Amino acid sequence: MATNLALDQELLDRAFLLSGEVTKKAAVTRALQEFIARREQKRVADLFGKLDWDSSFDYKAERSRKS
């Protein structure tokens, strides 16, 4: 999908430097991927302390169980 964006050149230059990407499309795509990954990680981290732990669960037995 073609989209025209007015991007801050200073931010774009920093993105090129830090990411190693050489095109605007690649830099923006990587930025979006990393943004999404961070938000998804935050959602998982927000669950810490909110889930009940089943002390009887045997994760080693589950690993060897055939699907």
Protein backbone atom coordinates (compact mmCIF):
# COMPACT_ATOMS: atom_id res chain seq x y z
CA MET A 1 0.00 0.00 0.00
CA ALA A 2 1.51 3.30 -1.05
CA THR A 3 1.41 6.03 1.59
CA ASN A 4 2.95 9.47 1.70
CA LEU A 5 4.35 10.48 5.08
CA ALA A 6 6.06 13.64 6.24
CA LEU A 7 8.83 12.15 8.38
CA ASP A 8 11.18 14.05 10.64
CA GLN A 9 14.52 13.83 8.81
CA GLU A 10 16.55 13.88 12.03
CA LEU A 11 14.60 10.91 13.40
CA LEU A 12 14.91 9.11 10.09
CA ASP A 13 18.68 9.68 10.01
CA ARG A 14 18.98 8.28 13.54
CA ALA A 15 16.85 5.29 12.55
CA PHE A 16 19.14 4.61 9.58
CA LEU A 17 22.20 4.83 11.81
CA LEU A 18 20.85 2.60 14.59
CA SER A 19 19.09 0.03 12.46
CA GLY A 20 21.47 -0.28 9.56
CA GLU A 21 18.54 0.03 7.18
CA VAL A 22 19.22 2.05 4.04
CA THR A 23 15.74 2.83 2.74
CA LYS A 24 12.88 4.75 4.29
CA LYS A 25 10.54 1.82 3.72
CA ALA A 26 12.86 -0.62 5.48
CA ALA A 27 13.45 1.76 8.40
CA VAL A 28 9.74 2.45 8.88
CA THR A 29 8.88 -1.25 8.54
CA ARG A 30 11.46 -2.19 11.17
CA ALA A 31 10.25 0.60 13.46
CA LEU A 32 6.67 -0.66 13.19
CA GLN A 33 7.73 -4.25 13.84
CA GLU A 34 9.69 -3.24 16.94
CA PHE A 35 6.85 -1.00 18.16
CA ILE A 36 4.38 -3.88 17.88
CA ALA A 37 6.77 -6.33 19.57
CA ARG A 38 7.32 -3.96 22.51
CA ARG A 39 3.59 -3.43 22.99
CA GLU A 40 2.94 -7.17 22.88
CA GLN A 41 5.74 -7.77 25.41
CA LYS A 42 4.25 -5.12 27.69
CA ARG A 43 0.87 -6.85 27.59
CA VAL A 44 2.52 -10.11 28.67
CA ALA A 45 4.56 -8.36 31.38
CA ASP A 46 1.38 -6.75 32.72
CA LEU A 47 0.09 -10.26 33.49
CA PHE A 48 2.88 -10.95 36.01
CA GLY A 49 1.35 -11.40 39.44
CA LYS A 50 -2.17 -11.66 38.02
CA LEU A 51 -2.21 -15.33 37.07
CA ASP A 52 -2.61 -18.21 39.48
CA TRP A 53 0.26 -20.69 39.62
CA ASP A 54 -0.59 -24.39 39.65
CA SER A 55 2.14 -25.95 41.80
CA SER A 56 1.06 -29.47 40.76
CA PHE A 57 1.74 -28.82 37.06
CA ASP A 58 4.66 -30.93 35.80
CA TYR A 59 6.16 -29.04 32.88
CA LYS A 60 8.77 -31.76 32.29
CA ALA A 61 6.06 -34.36 31.79
CA GLU A 62 4.26 -32.04 29.37
CA ARG A 63 7.42 -31.64 27.28
CA SER A 64 7.67 -35.37 26.67
CA ARG A 65 3.96 -35.83 25.98
CA LYS A 66 3.20 -36.67 22.36
CA SER A 67 0.72 -34.41 20.59
